[in-house]
N, C-alpha and C. Protein backbone atom coordinates (compact mmCIF):
# COMPACT_ATOMS: atom_id res chain seq x y z
N MET A 1 15.90 3.50 0.77
CA MET A 1 14.87 3.95 1.65
C MET A 1 13.54 3.41 1.13
N TRP A 2 12.81 2.76 1.98
CA TRP A 2 11.57 2.11 1.60
C TRP A 2 10.38 2.78 2.28
N PHE A 3 9.26 2.81 1.56
CA PHE A 3 8.00 3.31 2.10
C PHE A 3 6.93 2.28 1.79
N VAL A 4 5.80 2.38 2.48
CA VAL A 4 4.65 1.53 2.21
C VAL A 4 3.50 2.44 1.78
N PHE A 5 2.94 2.17 0.60
CA PHE A 5 1.78 2.90 0.11
C PHE A 5 0.55 2.04 0.36
N GLU A 6 -0.47 2.64 0.95
CA GLU A 6 -1.69 1.92 1.30
C GLU A 6 -2.89 2.72 0.82
N ALA A 7 -3.88 2.05 0.23
CA ALA A 7 -5.09 2.73 -0.23
C ALA A 7 -6.20 1.74 -0.48
N GLU A 8 -7.42 2.27 -0.52
CA GLU A 8 -8.56 1.53 -1.03
C GLU A 8 -8.75 2.00 -2.47
N TYR A 9 -9.29 1.13 -3.30
CA TYR A 9 -9.38 1.43 -4.73
C TYR A 9 -10.83 1.50 -5.18
N ALA A 10 -11.06 2.24 -6.26
CA ALA A 10 -12.40 2.43 -6.81
C ALA A 10 -12.97 1.09 -7.29
N ILE A 11 -14.27 0.93 -7.07
CA ILE A 11 -14.98 -0.25 -7.56
C ILE A 11 -15.70 0.15 -8.84
N GLU A 12 -15.43 -0.56 -9.92
CA GLU A 12 -16.07 -0.30 -11.21
C GLU A 12 -16.59 -1.61 -11.77
N ASN A 13 -17.86 -1.64 -12.08
CA ASN A 13 -18.50 -2.85 -12.61
C ASN A 13 -18.30 -4.04 -11.68
N GLY A 14 -18.35 -3.79 -10.38
CA GLY A 14 -18.24 -4.86 -9.39
C GLY A 14 -16.82 -5.36 -9.13
N ARG A 15 -15.83 -4.71 -9.72
CA ARG A 15 -14.44 -5.14 -9.54
C ARG A 15 -13.58 -3.95 -9.13
N ALA A 16 -12.51 -4.24 -8.39
CA ALA A 16 -11.59 -3.18 -7.99
C ALA A 16 -10.77 -2.74 -9.19
N ASN A 17 -10.65 -1.44 -9.37
CA ASN A 17 -9.78 -0.89 -10.41
C ASN A 17 -8.47 -0.51 -9.72
N TRP A 18 -7.47 -1.36 -9.83
CA TRP A 18 -6.20 -1.19 -9.10
C TRP A 18 -5.39 0.01 -9.61
N ASN A 19 -5.87 0.69 -10.65
CA ASN A 19 -5.21 1.89 -11.15
C ASN A 19 -5.85 3.17 -10.63
N ARG A 20 -6.90 3.06 -9.80
CA ARG A 20 -7.60 4.24 -9.30
C ARG A 20 -7.74 4.22 -7.79
N PRO A 21 -6.69 4.57 -7.05
CA PRO A 21 -6.82 4.66 -5.60
C PRO A 21 -7.76 5.81 -5.22
N VAL A 22 -8.53 5.61 -4.15
CA VAL A 22 -9.42 6.65 -3.64
C VAL A 22 -8.57 7.63 -2.84
N PRO A 23 -8.49 8.89 -3.27
CA PRO A 23 -7.58 9.85 -2.62
C PRO A 23 -7.73 9.97 -1.10
N GLU A 24 -8.96 9.91 -0.60
CA GLU A 24 -9.19 10.06 0.84
C GLU A 24 -8.61 8.91 1.66
N THR A 25 -8.29 7.79 1.01
CA THR A 25 -7.80 6.62 1.75
C THR A 25 -6.30 6.39 1.58
N MET A 26 -5.62 7.23 0.79
CA MET A 26 -4.20 7.02 0.53
C MET A 26 -3.35 7.41 1.74
N VAL A 27 -2.43 6.51 2.11
CA VAL A 27 -1.55 6.73 3.26
C VAL A 27 -0.16 6.22 2.91
N TRP A 28 0.86 6.98 3.32
CA TRP A 28 2.26 6.54 3.19
C TRP A 28 2.78 6.23 4.58
N HIS A 29 3.46 5.09 4.75
CA HIS A 29 4.10 4.71 6.01
C HIS A 29 5.61 4.64 5.75
N GLY A 30 6.40 5.08 6.70
CA GLY A 30 7.85 4.96 6.53
C GLY A 30 8.55 6.24 6.91
N PRO A 31 9.82 6.32 6.65
CA PRO A 31 10.67 5.44 5.84
C PRO A 31 11.17 4.23 6.63
N PHE A 32 11.53 3.18 5.90
CA PHE A 32 12.11 1.97 6.46
C PHE A 32 13.47 1.76 5.81
N LYS A 33 14.39 1.17 6.56
CA LYS A 33 15.75 0.98 6.04
C LYS A 33 15.85 -0.15 5.03
N THR A 34 15.03 -1.19 5.20
CA THR A 34 15.14 -2.35 4.32
C THR A 34 13.79 -2.73 3.72
N GLY A 35 13.85 -3.43 2.61
CA GLY A 35 12.64 -3.94 1.99
C GLY A 35 11.94 -4.96 2.86
N GLU A 36 12.71 -5.73 3.61
CA GLU A 36 12.12 -6.74 4.50
C GLU A 36 11.28 -6.08 5.58
N GLU A 37 11.79 -4.99 6.14
CA GLU A 37 11.04 -4.26 7.16
C GLU A 37 9.74 -3.69 6.57
N ALA A 38 9.83 -3.14 5.38
CA ALA A 38 8.64 -2.60 4.71
C ALA A 38 7.65 -3.71 4.39
N ASP A 39 8.13 -4.88 3.97
CA ASP A 39 7.25 -6.01 3.68
C ASP A 39 6.48 -6.46 4.91
N LYS A 40 7.10 -6.41 6.08
CA LYS A 40 6.40 -6.76 7.33
C LYS A 40 5.25 -5.79 7.58
N VAL A 41 5.49 -4.52 7.32
CA VAL A 41 4.42 -3.52 7.49
C VAL A 41 3.31 -3.77 6.47
N VAL A 42 3.67 -4.10 5.23
CA VAL A 42 2.68 -4.41 4.20
C VAL A 42 1.79 -5.55 4.67
N ARG A 43 2.39 -6.64 5.13
CA ARG A 43 1.59 -7.78 5.59
C ARG A 43 0.68 -7.39 6.75
N GLY A 44 1.19 -6.61 7.68
CA GLY A 44 0.37 -6.17 8.81
C GLY A 44 -0.80 -5.30 8.38
N ARG A 45 -0.56 -4.38 7.46
CA ARG A 45 -1.63 -3.50 6.98
C ARG A 45 -2.66 -4.28 6.17
N MET A 46 -2.22 -5.24 5.37
CA MET A 46 -3.16 -6.05 4.59
C MET A 46 -4.05 -6.88 5.51
N TRP A 47 -3.47 -7.48 6.56
CA TRP A 47 -4.25 -8.26 7.51
C TRP A 47 -5.18 -7.37 8.32
N ALA A 48 -4.77 -6.14 8.60
CA ALA A 48 -5.61 -5.23 9.39
C ALA A 48 -6.91 -4.88 8.66
N LYS A 49 -6.88 -4.92 7.34
CA LYS A 49 -8.08 -4.58 6.56
C LYS A 49 -8.46 -5.72 5.63
N ILE A 50 -8.31 -6.94 6.10
CA ILE A 50 -8.56 -8.12 5.27
C ILE A 50 -10.01 -8.18 4.79
N ASP A 51 -10.93 -7.55 5.52
CA ASP A 51 -12.34 -7.59 5.15
C ASP A 51 -12.71 -6.58 4.06
N ILE A 52 -11.78 -5.74 3.65
CA ILE A 52 -12.06 -4.76 2.60
C ILE A 52 -11.44 -5.27 1.29
N TYR A 53 -12.30 -5.65 0.35
CA TYR A 53 -11.84 -6.26 -0.91
C TYR A 53 -10.89 -5.35 -1.68
N ALA A 54 -11.25 -4.07 -1.81
CA ALA A 54 -10.49 -3.17 -2.69
C ALA A 54 -9.41 -2.41 -1.93
N HIS A 55 -8.75 -3.07 -0.99
CA HIS A 55 -7.67 -2.46 -0.21
C HIS A 55 -6.36 -3.13 -0.57
N LYS A 56 -5.31 -2.32 -0.70
CA LYS A 56 -4.00 -2.90 -1.00
C LYS A 56 -2.91 -2.06 -0.36
N ALA A 57 -1.89 -2.72 0.13
CA ALA A 57 -0.68 -2.05 0.61
C ALA A 57 0.49 -2.65 -0.15
N ARG A 58 1.46 -1.80 -0.49
CA ARG A 58 2.62 -2.31 -1.23
C ARG A 58 3.87 -1.55 -0.82
N ALA A 59 5.00 -2.25 -0.84
CA ALA A 59 6.29 -1.63 -0.52
C ALA A 59 6.83 -0.93 -1.76
N VAL A 60 7.41 0.26 -1.55
CA VAL A 60 7.95 1.06 -2.65
C VAL A 60 9.38 1.45 -2.30
N ASP A 61 10.32 1.13 -3.19
CA ASP A 61 11.72 1.51 -2.99
C ASP A 61 11.93 2.92 -3.55
N MET A 62 12.23 3.87 -2.68
CA MET A 62 12.44 5.26 -3.09
C MET A 62 13.91 5.65 -2.95
N THR A 63 14.79 4.66 -3.00
CA THR A 63 16.22 4.92 -2.88
C THR A 63 16.71 5.69 -4.11
N VAL A 64 17.45 6.75 -3.87
CA VAL A 64 18.01 7.55 -4.95
C VAL A 64 19.50 7.27 -5.02
N ALA A 65 19.96 6.85 -6.18
CA ALA A 65 21.39 6.56 -6.36
C ALA A 65 22.18 7.86 -6.31
N ALA A 66 23.28 7.83 -5.59
CA ALA A 66 24.10 9.05 -5.46
C ALA A 66 25.04 9.23 -6.62
């Protein structure tokens, strides 16, 4: 089971701190059946906010082994 995590990140000393997502901007999309499907959503979300430097979307595999 795949999800997409999307957020804008804190700017520190003129650079994005990729370890500090801004809580108000955090969004989860999904679930998706495959990583490929999640990757398509990642690309779409990244292009949707291409003008925001400190924005990132990434696919996350949340599959739990039985």
